[in-house]
């Protein structure tokens, strides 16, 4: 799945740090650069913003799930 900048996704993680945000809607702000993350090792990462409260975090590509039914 190709992640699109500006598009909304459902956040889903196994990480203890952000597990409380599972199923929240977020918007992709931008990809992290190679200076910000070791992309060759960890894979693509993005800065995301949660719609509910505007909090921004870094997220792995596999934590971003397509919205169902045009949420």
Protein backbone atom coordinates (compact mmCIF):
# COMPACT_ATOMS: atom_id res chain seq x y z
CA UNK A 1 0.00 0.00 0.00
CA UNK A 2 1.33 3.42 -0.92
CA UNK A 3 0.96 5.97 1.87
CA UNK A 4 -0.29 9.34 0.62
CA UNK A 5 0.69 12.65 2.19
CA UNK A 6 -2.36 14.54 3.46
CA UNK A 7 -4.54 11.44 3.45
CA UNK A 8 -6.26 10.06 6.56
CA UNK A 9 -5.69 6.58 7.94
CA UNK A 10 -6.65 4.51 10.96
CA UNK A 11 -3.73 4.12 13.38
CA UNK A 12 -3.02 0.63 14.71
CA UNK A 13 0.09 -0.37 16.65
CA UNK A 14 1.44 -3.06 18.95
CA UNK A 15 3.74 -0.52 20.61
CA UNK A 16 2.98 -0.02 24.31
CA UNK A 17 3.84 3.67 23.99
CA UNK A 18 0.97 4.44 21.60
CA UNK A 19 -1.38 1.46 21.97
CA UNK A 20 -4.01 3.69 23.61
CA UNK A 21 -4.39 5.46 20.25
CA UNK A 22 -5.35 2.33 18.31
CA UNK A 23 -8.25 2.91 15.91
CA UNK A 24 -7.86 6.71 16.04
CA UNK A 25 -7.95 8.59 12.75
CA UNK A 26 -4.73 10.34 11.75
CA UNK A 27 -3.45 12.38 8.85
CA UNK A 28 -0.04 11.88 7.26
CA UNK A 29 2.02 15.06 7.40
CA UNK A 30 5.23 13.93 5.69
CA UNK A 31 7.72 11.09 5.45
CA UNK A 32 10.72 11.04 7.75
CA UNK A 33 14.05 11.59 5.99
CA UNK A 34 17.08 9.31 6.13
CA UNK A 35 18.59 11.81 8.58
CA UNK A 36 15.58 11.40 10.91
CA UNK A 37 15.21 7.61 10.73
CA UNK A 38 17.32 4.68 9.56
CA UNK A 39 14.88 3.90 6.76
CA UNK A 40 17.09 1.19 5.25
CA UNK A 41 16.76 -0.78 8.51
CA UNK A 42 13.34 0.17 9.95
CA UNK A 43 11.44 0.91 6.75
CA UNK A 44 9.36 3.92 5.79
CA UNK A 45 8.18 6.15 8.61
CA UNK A 46 5.93 9.21 8.66
CA UNK A 47 5.01 12.11 10.88
CA UNK A 48 1.30 11.80 11.56
CA UNK A 49 -1.22 14.05 13.30
CA UNK A 50 -4.20 12.65 15.17
CA UNK A 51 -7.43 14.32 14.08
CA UNK A 52 -8.97 14.10 17.55
CA UNK A 53 -6.43 16.31 19.37
CA UNK A 54 -3.71 17.39 16.91
CA UNK A 55 -0.92 15.41 18.61
CA UNK A 56 1.90 14.52 16.21
CA UNK A 57 4.03 11.37 16.40
CA UNK A 58 6.26 9.28 14.15
CA UNK A 59 4.62 6.14 12.76
CA UNK A 60 5.75 3.16 10.75
CA UNK A 61 4.08 2.50 7.43
CA UNK A 62 2.47 -0.70 8.72
CA UNK A 63 0.76 1.22 11.55
CA UNK A 64 -1.36 3.14 9.01
CA UNK A 65 -4.46 1.27 7.86
CA UNK A 66 -6.84 2.40 5.10
CA UNK A 67 -10.14 3.83 6.26
CA UNK A 68 -13.16 1.70 5.54
CA UNK A 69 -16.36 3.18 4.21
CA UNK A 70 -14.97 6.70 3.75
CA UNK A 71 -14.60 7.49 7.45
